């Protein structure tokens, strides 16, 4: 599904198969300063300038927002972060698309290394 990132600069969108993944990616992108609105007009994440994201996330998804949750969903979160598209040309100095790509690369690098270590450990333990 396509989601609009509600922000003070250029109109842009992300894609994700789940609302939870879209919210995780949006929280990483905007640090609470961006809202999110599904194109179905049913799924919305408010802007959290003065806090409250963790409580909203827990109430909405019945899960704690954590590093572990990001790690469990990192491939989908990375795909979502890499999917940022502008409605037209970017006119702001705030480059959300570039930031999405940078965060995606960082998470892929961080968590794919962890998977490789786990695979090696599991292979060594099997004999």
Foldseek 3Di string as FASTA:
>chain_A
DKKWKAAPFFTKIWDAPDLLLLVLLSCQLQVQQIKIADPVRPDIGDRAPPDDPQVVSCVVPVDGDDPVVCLVCVVRNLNRLCRMDTPDDGDDPPDSNVSSNVVSVVSCVVNVVVVVVVVVVVVVVVD
